[in-house]
Amino acid sequence: VVEEKPSEGKRWANEASGAWGTMAVTRSFRRNGAPCREIRGENTARARTEAFRLVLCRTPQGEWKIASSGPAKR
């Protein structure tokens, strides 16, 4: 199984609200045989920035689902 390398950060922005953020795949791994990805980033809205961490795993049907999420430690 070839695991993906960490990705470069991607930036997104919502011009209507002024919110923006960044995110990147920081590692790829397997959990209970399923491919998973850890994603870390930051969101900025209303002059407040929060770091986040998500783990997504692919289901047997091929869909990516959130396995866990929460604030990222800085």
N, C-alpha and C. Protein backbone atom coordinates (compact mmCIF):
# COMPACT_ATOMS: atom_id res chain seq x y z
N VAL A 1 0.85 -1.18 0.00
CA VAL A 1 0.00 0.00 0.00
C VAL A 1 0.89 1.24 0.00
N VAL A 2 0.66 2.12 -0.94
CA VAL A 2 1.42 3.37 -1.02
C VAL A 2 0.69 4.42 -0.21
N GLU A 3 1.38 4.99 0.76
CA GLU A 3 0.79 6.05 1.57
C GLU A 3 1.16 7.40 0.97
N GLU A 4 0.23 8.32 1.04
CA GLU A 4 0.49 9.66 0.52
C GLU A 4 1.43 10.41 1.45
N LYS A 5 2.23 11.26 0.85
CA LYS A 5 3.09 12.15 1.63
C LYS A 5 2.23 13.31 2.13
N PRO A 6 2.66 13.97 3.20
CA PRO A 6 1.92 15.16 3.64
C PRO A 6 1.79 16.17 2.50
N SER A 7 0.66 16.83 2.46
CA SER A 7 0.41 17.78 1.37
C SER A 7 0.81 19.19 1.77
N GLU A 8 0.99 20.01 0.74
CA GLU A 8 1.19 21.43 0.99
C GLU A 8 -0.14 22.00 1.46
N GLY A 9 -0.09 23.01 2.26
CA GLY A 9 -1.32 23.63 2.74
C GLY A 9 -2.12 24.25 1.60
N LYS A 10 -3.41 24.15 1.73
CA LYS A 10 -4.34 24.78 0.78
C LYS A 10 -5.08 25.88 1.52
N ARG A 11 -5.28 26.98 0.84
CA ARG A 11 -5.99 28.11 1.44
C ARG A 11 -7.37 28.22 0.82
N TRP A 12 -8.36 28.56 1.62
CA TRP A 12 -9.71 28.79 1.13
C TRP A 12 -10.17 30.14 1.68
N ALA A 13 -11.14 30.74 1.04
CA ALA A 13 -11.68 32.01 1.51
C ALA A 13 -13.13 32.15 1.07
N ASN A 14 -13.93 32.77 1.91
CA ASN A 14 -15.31 33.09 1.59
C ASN A 14 -15.38 34.62 1.52
N GLU A 15 -15.41 35.16 0.32
CA GLU A 15 -15.39 36.61 0.16
C GLU A 15 -16.61 37.28 0.77
N ALA A 16 -17.75 36.61 0.77
CA ALA A 16 -18.97 37.20 1.31
C ALA A 16 -18.88 37.42 2.82
N SER A 17 -18.28 36.47 3.54
CA SER A 17 -18.21 36.59 4.99
C SER A 17 -16.87 37.11 5.49
N GLY A 18 -15.85 37.03 4.65
CA GLY A 18 -14.51 37.42 5.07
C GLY A 18 -13.77 36.31 5.81
N ALA A 19 -14.40 35.16 5.98
CA ALA A 19 -13.75 34.03 6.65
C ALA A 19 -12.74 33.40 5.70
N TRP A 20 -11.68 32.83 6.27
CA TRP A 20 -10.67 32.15 5.46
C TRP A 20 -9.93 31.15 6.33
N GLY A 21 -9.15 30.31 5.70
CA GLY A 21 -8.39 29.34 6.47
C GLY A 21 -7.43 28.57 5.59
N THR A 22 -6.72 27.66 6.25
CA THR A 22 -5.77 26.79 5.57
C THR A 22 -5.97 25.37 6.08
N MET A 23 -5.58 24.41 5.26
CA MET A 23 -5.61 23.02 5.70
C MET A 23 -4.62 22.21 4.89
N ALA A 24 -4.14 21.11 5.50
CA ALA A 24 -3.19 20.23 4.82
C ALA A 24 -3.30 18.83 5.40
N VAL A 25 -3.09 17.84 4.54
CA VAL A 25 -2.98 16.46 5.02
C VAL A 25 -1.61 16.33 5.67
N THR A 26 -1.59 15.97 6.94
CA THR A 26 -0.31 15.89 7.65
C THR A 26 0.22 14.47 7.74
N ARG A 27 -0.66 13.48 7.61
CA ARG A 27 -0.19 12.09 7.57
C ARG A 27 -1.30 11.19 7.04
N SER A 28 -0.89 10.05 6.52
CA SER A 28 -1.79 9.01 6.05
C SER A 28 -1.48 7.74 6.82
N PHE A 29 -2.50 6.99 7.16
CA PHE A 29 -2.31 5.76 7.93
C PHE A 29 -3.52 4.87 7.76
N ARG A 30 -3.49 3.70 8.35
CA ARG A 30 -4.62 2.78 8.32
C ARG A 30 -5.15 2.58 9.73
N ARG A 31 -6.47 2.53 9.84
CA ARG A 31 -7.14 2.25 11.11
C ARG A 31 -8.12 1.11 10.85
N ASN A 32 -7.95 0.01 11.52
CA ASN A 32 -8.80 -1.17 11.31
C ASN A 32 -8.86 -1.56 9.84
N GLY A 33 -7.74 -1.41 9.14
CA GLY A 33 -7.64 -1.79 7.74
C GLY A 33 -8.11 -0.73 6.75
N ALA A 34 -8.72 0.34 7.23
CA ALA A 34 -9.23 1.40 6.35
C ALA A 34 -8.19 2.50 6.18
N PRO A 35 -8.08 3.05 4.95
CA PRO A 35 -7.17 4.19 4.76
C PRO A 35 -7.72 5.43 5.47
N CYS A 36 -6.85 6.14 6.15
CA CYS A 36 -7.24 7.34 6.89
C CYS A 36 -6.26 8.47 6.61
N ARG A 37 -6.70 9.69 6.82
CA ARG A 37 -5.87 10.88 6.65
C ARG A 37 -6.09 11.81 7.84
N GLU A 38 -5.00 12.36 8.34
CA GLU A 38 -5.09 13.41 9.35
C GLU A 38 -4.96 14.74 8.63
N ILE A 39 -5.87 15.65 8.93
CA ILE A 39 -5.86 16.99 8.32
C ILE A 39 -5.77 18.00 9.45
N ARG A 40 -4.84 18.94 9.30
CA ARG A 40 -4.70 20.03 10.28
C ARG A 40 -4.80 21.36 9.55
N GLY A 41 -5.28 22.35 10.26
CA GLY A 41 -5.39 23.67 9.65
C GLY A 41 -5.83 24.72 10.64
N GLU A 42 -6.16 25.87 10.09
CA GLU A 42 -6.67 26.99 10.88
C GLU A 42 -7.81 27.63 10.12
N ASN A 43 -8.81 28.09 10.87
CA ASN A 43 -9.92 28.87 10.32
C ASN A 43 -9.92 30.23 10.99
N THR A 44 -10.15 31.26 10.20
CA THR A 44 -10.24 32.62 10.74
C THR A 44 -11.58 33.21 10.34
N ALA A 45 -12.34 33.67 11.33
CA ALA A 45 -13.63 34.31 11.09
C ALA A 45 -13.86 35.30 12.21
N ARG A 46 -14.42 36.45 11.86
CA ARG A 46 -14.73 37.49 12.85
C ARG A 46 -13.53 37.81 13.73
N ALA A 47 -12.37 37.91 13.10
CA ALA A 47 -11.10 38.28 13.77
C ALA A 47 -10.65 37.26 14.81
N ARG A 48 -11.13 36.04 14.70
CA ARG A 48 -10.72 34.98 15.63
C ARG A 48 -10.18 33.80 14.83
N THR A 49 -9.00 33.31 15.21
CA THR A 49 -8.37 32.19 14.51
C THR A 49 -8.34 30.99 15.43
N GLU A 50 -8.77 29.85 14.91
CA GLU A 50 -8.77 28.60 15.67
C GLU A 50 -8.09 27.51 14.85
N ALA A 51 -7.20 26.77 15.48
CA ALA A 51 -6.56 25.63 14.84
C ALA A 51 -7.49 24.41 14.98
N PHE A 52 -7.44 23.50 14.00
CA PHE A 52 -8.26 22.30 14.08
C PHE A 52 -7.48 21.08 13.61
N ARG A 53 -8.01 19.92 13.95
CA ARG A 53 -7.46 18.63 13.54
C ARG A 53 -8.64 17.71 13.22
N LEU A 54 -8.61 17.09 12.05
CA LEU A 54 -9.62 16.12 11.64
C LEU A 54 -8.94 14.82 11.25
N VAL A 55 -9.60 13.71 11.52
CA VAL A 55 -9.17 12.43 10.97
C VAL A 55 -10.33 11.92 10.13
N LEU A 56 -10.04 11.66 8.86
CA LEU A 56 -11.02 11.11 7.93
C LEU A 56 -10.60 9.70 7.56
N CYS A 57 -11.58 8.78 7.52
CA CYS A 57 -11.30 7.41 7.10
C CYS A 57 -12.29 7.02 6.02
N ARG A 58 -11.84 6.20 5.08
CA ARG A 58 -12.69 5.78 3.97
C ARG A 58 -13.49 4.54 4.39
N THR A 59 -14.79 4.59 4.13
CA THR A 59 -15.67 3.47 4.45
C THR A 59 -15.55 2.41 3.36
N PRO A 60 -16.05 1.20 3.62
CA PRO A 60 -16.04 0.16 2.58
C PRO A 60 -16.79 0.59 1.30
N GLN A 61 -17.72 1.55 1.42
CA GLN A 61 -18.46 2.06 0.26
C GLN A 61 -17.68 3.12 -0.51
N GLY A 62 -16.49 3.48 0.00
CA GLY A 62 -15.65 4.45 -0.69
C GLY A 62 -15.85 5.89 -0.27
N GLU A 63 -16.71 6.15 0.72
CA GLU A 63 -16.95 7.50 1.19
C GLU A 63 -15.95 7.85 2.30
N TRP A 64 -15.52 9.11 2.35
CA TRP A 64 -14.65 9.58 3.43
C TRP A 64 -15.54 10.14 4.52
N LYS A 65 -15.36 9.65 5.74
CA LYS A 65 -16.15 10.07 6.89
C LYS A 65 -15.22 10.59 7.98
N ILE A 66 -15.72 11.55 8.76
CA ILE A 66 -14.95 12.07 9.89
C ILE A 66 -14.91 11.00 10.97
N ALA A 67 -13.71 10.60 11.36
CA ALA A 67 -13.51 9.60 12.41
C ALA A 67 -13.31 10.29 13.76
N SER A 68 -12.69 11.47 13.76
CA SER A 68 -12.52 12.25 14.98
C SER A 68 -12.16 13.67 14.58
N SER A 69 -12.43 14.60 15.50
CA SER A 69 -12.10 16.00 15.22
C SER A 69 -11.92 16.72 16.55
N GLY A 70 -11.35 17.89 16.47
CA GLY A 70 -11.17 18.68 17.66
C GLY A 70 -10.19 19.81 17.43
N PRO A 71 -9.99 20.63 18.45
CA PRO A 71 -9.02 21.71 18.32
C PRO A 71 -7.62 21.13 18.29
N ALA A 72 -6.76 21.76 17.56
CA ALA A 72 -5.37 21.34 17.49
C ALA A 72 -4.57 22.05 18.55
N LYS A 73 -3.67 21.33 19.17
CA LYS A 73 -2.80 21.96 20.15
C LYS A 73 -1.77 22.78 19.40
N ARG A 74 -1.53 23.97 19.86
CA ARG A 74 -0.58 24.87 19.20
C ARG A 74 0.80 24.65 19.70
